[in-house]
């Protein structure tokens, strides 16, 4: 079983990132399943699409199989950022999936 945890990061006064994280309840380890990018003005269709993608990814593959586990949320996010730095730089407003 997993506990879903959203971690938000403001980019500037027009954009934000939501890290879609999970805690594995058996041992308290953390992973990042995906990251959603938002910018103003908000688009309701985009928000719904990202929420649907989050659920589909969870159902298709266990989060601890999709990305590496870490003892803290901070470490999981740092590893995710390191793994996907090039993807984020080339497409900052698209969702990134582990």
C-alpha atoms as a PDB file:
ATOM      1  CA  UNK A   1       0.000   0.000   0.000  1.00  0.00           C
ATOM      2  CA  UNK A   2       1.045   3.556  -0.708  1.00  0.00           C
ATOM      3  CA  UNK A   3       0.243   7.007   0.564  1.00  0.00           C
ATOM      4  CA  UNK A   4       0.050   9.713  -2.118  1.00  0.00           C
ATOM      5  CA  UNK A   5       1.848  12.959  -1.271  1.00  0.00           C
ATOM      6  CA  UNK A   6       1.840  16.130  -3.378  1.00  0.00           C
ATOM      7  CA  UNK A   7       4.820  18.467  -3.012  1.00  0.00           C
ATOM      8  CA  UNK A   8       4.528  21.904  -4.606  1.00  0.00           C
ATOM      9  CA  UNK A   9       7.308  24.191  -5.853  1.00  0.00           C
ATOM     10  CA  UNK A  10       6.734  27.718  -7.135  1.00  0.00           C
ATOM     11  CA  UNK A  11       8.811  28.529 -10.223  1.00  0.00           C
ATOM     12  CA  UNK A  12       7.848  32.194 -10.429  1.00  0.00           C
ATOM     13  CA  UNK A  13       4.687  34.296 -10.250  1.00  0.00           C
ATOM     14  CA  UNK A  14       3.161  32.462 -13.236  1.00  0.00           C
ATOM     15  CA  UNK A  15       4.277  28.820 -12.897  1.00  0.00           C
ATOM     16  CA  UNK A  16       4.435  25.964 -10.409  1.00  0.00           C
ATOM     17  CA  UNK A  17       5.446  22.308 -10.245  1.00  0.00           C
ATOM     18  CA  UNK A  18       3.635  19.502  -8.414  1.00  0.00           C
ATOM     19  CA  UNK A  19       5.735  16.460  -7.567  1.00  0.00           C
ATOM     20  CA  UNK A  20       3.486  13.372  -7.424  1.00  0.00           C
ATOM     21  CA  UNK A  21       5.145  11.340  -4.671  1.00  0.00           C
ATOM     22  CA  UNK A  22       4.324   8.159  -2.799  1.00  0.00           C
ATOM     23  CA  UNK A  23       5.309   6.761   0.558  1.00  0.00           C
ATOM     24  CA  UNK A  24       5.466   2.969   0.703  1.00  0.00           C
ATOM     25  CA  UNK A  25       3.674   2.186   3.965  1.00  0.00           C
ATOM     26  CA  UNK A  26       5.501  -1.073   4.687  1.00  0.00           C
ATOM     27  CA  UNK A  27       8.841   0.694   5.256  1.00  0.00           C
ATOM     28  CA  UNK A  28       8.338   4.472   4.953  1.00  0.00           C
ATOM     29  CA  UNK A  29      10.399   4.798   1.756  1.00  0.00           C
ATOM     30  CA  UNK A  30       9.556   7.560  -0.770  1.00  0.00           C
ATOM     31  CA  UNK A  31       9.510   7.878  -4.557  1.00  0.00           C
ATOM     32  CA  UNK A  32       8.370  10.355  -7.196  1.00  0.00           C
ATOM     33  CA  UNK A  33       5.971   8.904  -9.754  1.00  0.00           C
ATOM     34  CA  UNK A  34       5.687  11.977 -11.956  1.00  0.00           C
ATOM     35  CA  UNK A  35       5.786  15.766 -12.035  1.00  0.00           C
ATOM     36  CA  UNK A  36       3.048  18.096 -13.260  1.00  0.00           C
ATOM     37  CA  UNK A  37       3.753  21.608 -14.567  1.00  0.00           C
ATOM     38  CA  UNK A  38       1.191  24.417 -14.309  1.00  0.00           C
ATOM     39  CA  UNK A  39       1.218  27.948 -15.628  1.00  0.00           C
ATOM     40  CA  UNK A  40      -1.201  30.849 -15.613  1.00  0.00           C
ATOM     41  CA  UNK A  41      -3.799  31.060 -16.878  1.00  0.00           C
ATOM     42  CA  UNK A  42      -4.831  27.646 -15.594  1.00  0.00           C
ATOM     43  CA  UNK A  43      -6.523  25.291 -18.019  1.00  0.00           C
ATOM     44  CA  UNK A  44      -9.197  23.036 -16.490  1.00  0.00           C
ATOM     45  CA  UNK A  45      -8.755  20.432 -19.238  1.00  0.00           C
ATOM     46  CA  UNK A  46      -5.014  20.211 -18.524  1.00  0.00           C
ATOM     47  CA  UNK A  47      -5.667  19.793 -14.786  1.00  0.00           C
ATOM     48  CA  UNK A  48      -8.135  16.958 -15.437  1.00  0.00           C
ATOM     49  CA  UNK A  49      -5.732  15.290 -17.886  1.00  0.00           C
ATOM     50  CA  UNK A  50      -2.879  15.403 -15.362  1.00  0.00           C
ATOM     51  CA  UNK A  51      -5.097  13.940 -12.628  1.00  0.00           C
ATOM     52  CA  UNK A  52      -6.167  11.120 -14.950  1.00  0.00           C
ATOM     53  CA  UNK A  53      -2.557  10.446 -15.931  1.00  0.00           C
ATOM     54  CA  UNK A  54      -1.583  10.226 -12.257  1.00  0.00           C
ATOM     55  CA  UNK A  55      -4.187   7.508 -11.655  1.00  0.00           C
ATOM     56  CA  UNK A  56      -3.369   5.620 -14.864  1.00  0.00           C
ATOM     57  CA  UNK A  57       0.344   5.518 -14.023  1.00  0.00           C
ATOM     58  CA  UNK A  58      -0.394   4.216 -10.529  1.00  0.00           C
ATOM     59  CA  UNK A  59      -2.684   1.475 -11.844  1.00  0.00           C
ATOM     60  CA  UNK A  60      -0.326   0.448 -14.672  1.00  0.00           C
ATOM     61  CA  UNK A  61       2.811   0.059 -12.548  1.00  0.00           C
ATOM     62  CA  UNK A  62       3.624   0.134  -8.855  1.00  0.00           C
ATOM     63  CA  UNK A  63       5.335   3.426  -7.936  1.00  0.00           C
ATOM     64  CA  UNK A  64       8.263   1.595  -6.335  1.00  0.00           C
ATOM     65  CA  UNK A  65       8.849  -0.189  -9.644  1.00  0.00           C
ATOM     66  CA  UNK A  66       8.563   2.999 -11.708  1.00  0.00           C
ATOM     67  CA  UNK A  67      11.201   4.961  -9.785  1.00  0.00           C
ATOM     68  CA  UNK A  68      13.811   4.495  -7.093  1.00  0.00           C
ATOM     69  CA  UNK A  69      13.002   4.564  -3.388  1.00  0.00           C
ATOM     70  CA  UNK A  70      14.625   6.936  -0.881  1.00  0.00           C
ATOM     71  CA  UNK A  71      14.492   7.430   2.896  1.00  0.00           C
ATOM     72  CA  UNK A  72      13.172  11.023   2.594  1.00  0.00           C
ATOM     73  CA  UNK A  73      10.931  12.986   0.247  1.00  0.00           C
ATOM     74  CA  UNK A  74      13.733  15.478  -0.279  1.00  0.00           C
ATOM     75  CA  UNK A  75      16.100  12.747  -1.496  1.00  0.00           C
ATOM     76  CA  UNK A  76      13.446  11.256  -3.785  1.00  0.00           C
ATOM     77  CA  UNK A  77      12.757  14.658  -5.344  1.00  0.00           C
ATOM     78  CA  UNK A  78      16.463  15.478  -5.701  1.00  0.00           C
ATOM     79  CA  UNK A  79      17.066  12.171  -7.489  1.00  0.00           C
ATOM     80  CA  UNK A  80      14.067  12.723  -9.751  1.00  0.00           C
ATOM     81  CA  UNK A  81      15.308  16.226 -10.621  1.00  0.00           C
ATOM     82  CA  UNK A  82      18.772  14.853 -11.379  1.00  0.00           C
ATOM     83  CA  UNK A  83      17.394  12.042 -13.540  1.00  0.00           C
ATOM     84  CA  UNK A  84      15.128  14.332 -15.552  1.00  0.00           C
ATOM     85  CA  UNK A  85      17.102  17.603 -15.703  1.00  0.00           C
ATOM     86  CA  UNK A  86      17.412  17.475 -19.498  1.00  0.00           C
ATOM     87  CA  UNK A  87      13.716  16.664 -19.939  1.00  0.00           C
ATOM     88  CA  UNK A  88      12.665  19.521 -17.667  1.00  0.00           C
ATOM     89  CA  UNK A  89      14.919  22.009 -19.443  1.00  0.00           C
ATOM     90  CA  UNK A  90      13.598  21.061 -22.874  1.00  0.00           C
ATOM     91  CA  UNK A  91       9.911  20.967 -21.946  1.00  0.00           C
ATOM     92  CA  UNK A  92       9.164  22.873 -18.736  1.00  0.00           C
ATOM     93  CA  UNK A  93       5.379  22.897 -19.081  1.00  0.00           C
ATOM     94  CA  UNK A  94       4.762  19.246 -19.931  1.00  0.00           C
ATOM     95  CA  UNK A  95       4.247  16.438 -17.396  1.00  0.00           C
ATOM     96  CA  UNK A  96       7.306  14.282 -16.731  1.00  0.00           C
ATOM     97  CA  UNK A  97       6.869  10.620 -15.866  1.00  0.00           C
ATOM     98  CA  UNK A  98       9.436   8.510 -14.058  1.00  0.00           C
END
